[in-house]
Amino acid sequence: ATLSGKGGAGTIGRLREGFGLDDLDVTTNAQGDLELSAGTHISDNVYTDVTVGADGRAEVNLNLTLTPNVTARGSVGSDGTTGIGVYFEKDY
């Protein structure tokens, strides 16, 4: 289940705007636990989001747009998991 706040003037949209966020999502993970994600652009080419689960787990993601087609992404979780990658994306 997902309650997304990327647009519109609903409750999530008003909260998103009130906190100055680009995204605010309430979801459930594969185990059915509630998760809250909040994200924003901290500069023109840097986007970050934080996800916090009802189980206490948290994750921070950072996306750096290098070119219109290349993005570097990194993440770190409260459980010690980390990830990094460079992604090529192209719309056809």
C-alpha atoms as a PDB file:
ATOM      1  CA  ALA A   1       0.000   0.000   0.000  1.00  0.00           C
ATOM      2  CA  THR A   2       1.219   3.481  -0.820  1.00  0.00           C
ATOM      3  CA  LEU A   3       0.021   6.946   0.120  1.00  0.00           C
ATOM      4  CA  SER A   4       2.071   9.255  -2.062  1.00  0.00           C
ATOM      5  CA  GLY A   5       2.621  12.981  -1.740  1.00  0.00           C
ATOM      6  CA  LYS A   6       4.172  14.051  -5.021  1.00  0.00           C
ATOM      7  CA  GLY A   7       1.333  16.356  -5.965  1.00  0.00           C
ATOM      8  CA  GLY A   8      -2.165  17.463  -5.221  1.00  0.00           C
ATOM      9  CA  ALA A   9      -3.636  19.344  -2.306  1.00  0.00           C
ATOM     10  CA  GLY A  10      -4.628  16.386  -0.112  1.00  0.00           C
ATOM     11  CA  THR A  11      -3.420  15.841   3.422  1.00  0.00           C
ATOM     12  CA  ILE A  12      -0.065  14.393   2.354  1.00  0.00           C
ATOM     13  CA  GLY A  13       0.360  17.163  -0.233  1.00  0.00           C
ATOM     14  CA  ARG A  14      -0.269  19.851   2.382  1.00  0.00           C
ATOM     15  CA  LEU A  15       2.179  18.204   4.796  1.00  0.00           C
ATOM     16  CA  ARG A  16       4.774  17.924   2.022  1.00  0.00           C
ATOM     17  CA  GLU A  17       4.400  21.600   1.157  1.00  0.00           C
ATOM     18  CA  GLY A  18       4.371  22.632   4.819  1.00  0.00           C
ATOM     19  CA  PHE A  19       7.689  20.890   5.450  1.00  0.00           C
ATOM     20  CA  GLY A  20       9.180  22.113   2.152  1.00  0.00           C
ATOM     21  CA  LEU A  21       9.642  18.602   0.750  1.00  0.00           C
ATOM     22  CA  ASP A  22       9.591  17.409  -2.851  1.00  0.00           C
ATOM     23  CA  ASP A  23       8.279  13.947  -1.867  1.00  0.00           C
ATOM     24  CA  LEU A  24       6.449  12.574   1.157  1.00  0.00           C
ATOM     25  CA  ASP A  25       5.275   8.963   1.037  1.00  0.00           C
ATOM     26  CA  VAL A  26       3.642   6.611   3.529  1.00  0.00           C
ATOM     27  CA  THR A  27       4.008   2.979   2.446  1.00  0.00           C
ATOM     28  CA  THR A  28       4.238  -0.563   3.737  1.00  0.00           C
ATOM     29  CA  ASN A  29       7.257  -2.761   3.103  1.00  0.00           C
ATOM     30  CA  ALA A  30       7.243  -6.420   2.023  1.00  0.00           C
ATOM     31  CA  GLN A  31       6.625  -7.509   5.631  1.00  0.00           C
ATOM     32  CA  GLY A  32       3.639  -5.160   5.964  1.00  0.00           C
ATOM     33  CA  ASP A  33       5.411  -2.703   8.288  1.00  0.00           C
ATOM     34  CA  LEU A  34       4.653   1.009   7.907  1.00  0.00           C
ATOM     35  CA  GLU A  35       7.356   3.221   6.362  1.00  0.00           C
ATOM     36  CA  LEU A  36       7.604   6.993   5.975  1.00  0.00           C
ATOM     37  CA  SER A  37       9.816   8.514   3.270  1.00  0.00           C
ATOM     38  CA  ALA A  38      10.666  12.193   2.886  1.00  0.00           C
ATOM     39  CA  GLY A  39      12.849  13.656   0.160  1.00  0.00           C
ATOM     40  CA  THR A  40      13.984  16.955  -1.265  1.00  0.00           C
ATOM     41  CA  HIS A  41      16.412  18.516  -3.715  1.00  0.00           C
ATOM     42  CA  ILE A  42      19.211  20.122  -1.713  1.00  0.00           C
ATOM     43  CA  SER A  43      20.613  21.703  -4.884  1.00  0.00           C
ATOM     44  CA  ASP A  44      19.815  21.652  -8.604  1.00  0.00           C
ATOM     45  CA  ASN A  45      21.573  18.317  -9.107  1.00  0.00           C
ATOM     46  CA  VAL A  46      21.454  16.708  -5.633  1.00  0.00           C
ATOM     47  CA  TYR A  47      18.398  14.902  -4.255  1.00  0.00           C
ATOM     48  CA  THR A  48      18.212  13.150  -0.896  1.00  0.00           C
ATOM     49  CA  ASP A  49      15.564  11.127   0.861  1.00  0.00           C
ATOM     50  CA  VAL A  50      15.184   9.438   4.224  1.00  0.00           C
ATOM     51  CA  THR A  51      13.022   6.381   4.892  1.00  0.00           C
ATOM     52  CA  VAL A  52      12.089   5.387   8.443  1.00  0.00           C
ATOM     53  CA  GLY A  53      10.255   2.167   9.215  1.00  0.00           C
ATOM     54  CA  ALA A  54       7.952   1.358  12.110  1.00  0.00           C
ATOM     55  CA  ASP A  55      10.476  -1.348  13.000  1.00  0.00           C
ATOM     56  CA  GLY A  56      13.094   1.357  13.710  1.00  0.00           C
ATOM     57  CA  ARG A  57      15.075   0.751  10.525  1.00  0.00           C
ATOM     58  CA  ALA A  58      16.159   3.859   8.606  1.00  0.00           C
ATOM     59  CA  GLU A  59      17.880   4.530   5.287  1.00  0.00           C
ATOM     60  CA  VAL A  60      19.353   7.673   3.727  1.00  0.00           C
ATOM     61  CA  ASN A  61      19.764   7.932  -0.054  1.00  0.00           C
ATOM     62  CA  LEU A  62      21.699  10.548  -2.004  1.00  0.00           C
ATOM     63  CA  ASN A  63      21.395  11.027  -5.769  1.00  0.00           C
ATOM     64  CA  LEU A  64      23.857  13.229  -7.663  1.00  0.00           C
ATOM     65  CA  THR A  65      22.867  14.033 -11.248  1.00  0.00           C
ATOM     66  CA  LEU A  66      26.137  14.195 -13.186  1.00  0.00           C
ATOM     67  CA  THR A  67      24.609  14.680 -16.649  1.00  0.00           C
ATOM     68  CA  PRO A  68      21.025  14.482 -17.911  1.00  0.00           C
ATOM     69  CA  ASN A  69      21.581  10.728 -18.425  1.00  0.00           C
ATOM     70  CA  VAL A  70      24.053   9.783 -15.650  1.00  0.00           C
ATOM     71  CA  THR A  71      23.299   9.710 -11.921  1.00  0.00           C
ATOM     72  CA  ALA A  72      25.518   8.591  -9.041  1.00  0.00           C
ATOM     73  CA  ARG A  73      23.567   7.075  -6.155  1.00  0.00           C
ATOM     74  CA  GLY A  74      24.589   6.150  -2.653  1.00  0.00           C
ATOM     75  CA  SER A  75      22.714   4.833   0.365  1.00  0.00           C
ATOM     76  CA  VAL A  76      23.371   3.917   3.969  1.00  0.00           C
ATOM     77  CA  GLY A  77      21.070   2.081   6.353  1.00  0.00           C
ATOM     78  CA  SER A  78      20.846   2.101  10.122  1.00  0.00           C
ATOM     79  CA  ASP A  79      21.617  -1.627  10.037  1.00  0.00           C
ATOM     80  CA  GLY A  80      25.020  -0.939   8.441  1.00  0.00           C
ATOM     81  CA  THR A  81      24.048  -1.710   4.847  1.00  0.00           C
ATOM     82  CA  THR A  82      25.532   0.571   2.206  1.00  0.00           C
ATOM     83  CA  GLY A  83      25.278   0.908  -1.530  1.00  0.00           C
ATOM     84  CA  ILE A  84      26.789   2.983  -4.299  1.00  0.00           C
ATOM     85  CA  GLY A  85      26.337   2.989  -8.037  1.00  0.00           C
ATOM     86  CA  VAL A  86      26.429   4.963 -11.248  1.00  0.00           C
ATOM     87  CA  TYR A  87      23.337   4.723 -13.431  1.00  0.00           C
ATOM     88  CA  PHE A  88      22.726   5.548 -17.082  1.00  0.00           C
ATOM     89  CA  GLU A  89      19.131   6.427 -17.946  1.00  0.00           C
ATOM     90  CA  LYS A  90      17.687   7.271 -21.327  1.00  0.00           C
ATOM     91  CA  ASP A  91      14.112   7.942 -22.397  1.00  0.00           C
ATOM     92  CA  TYR A  92      13.164   6.447 -25.739  1.00  0.00           C
END
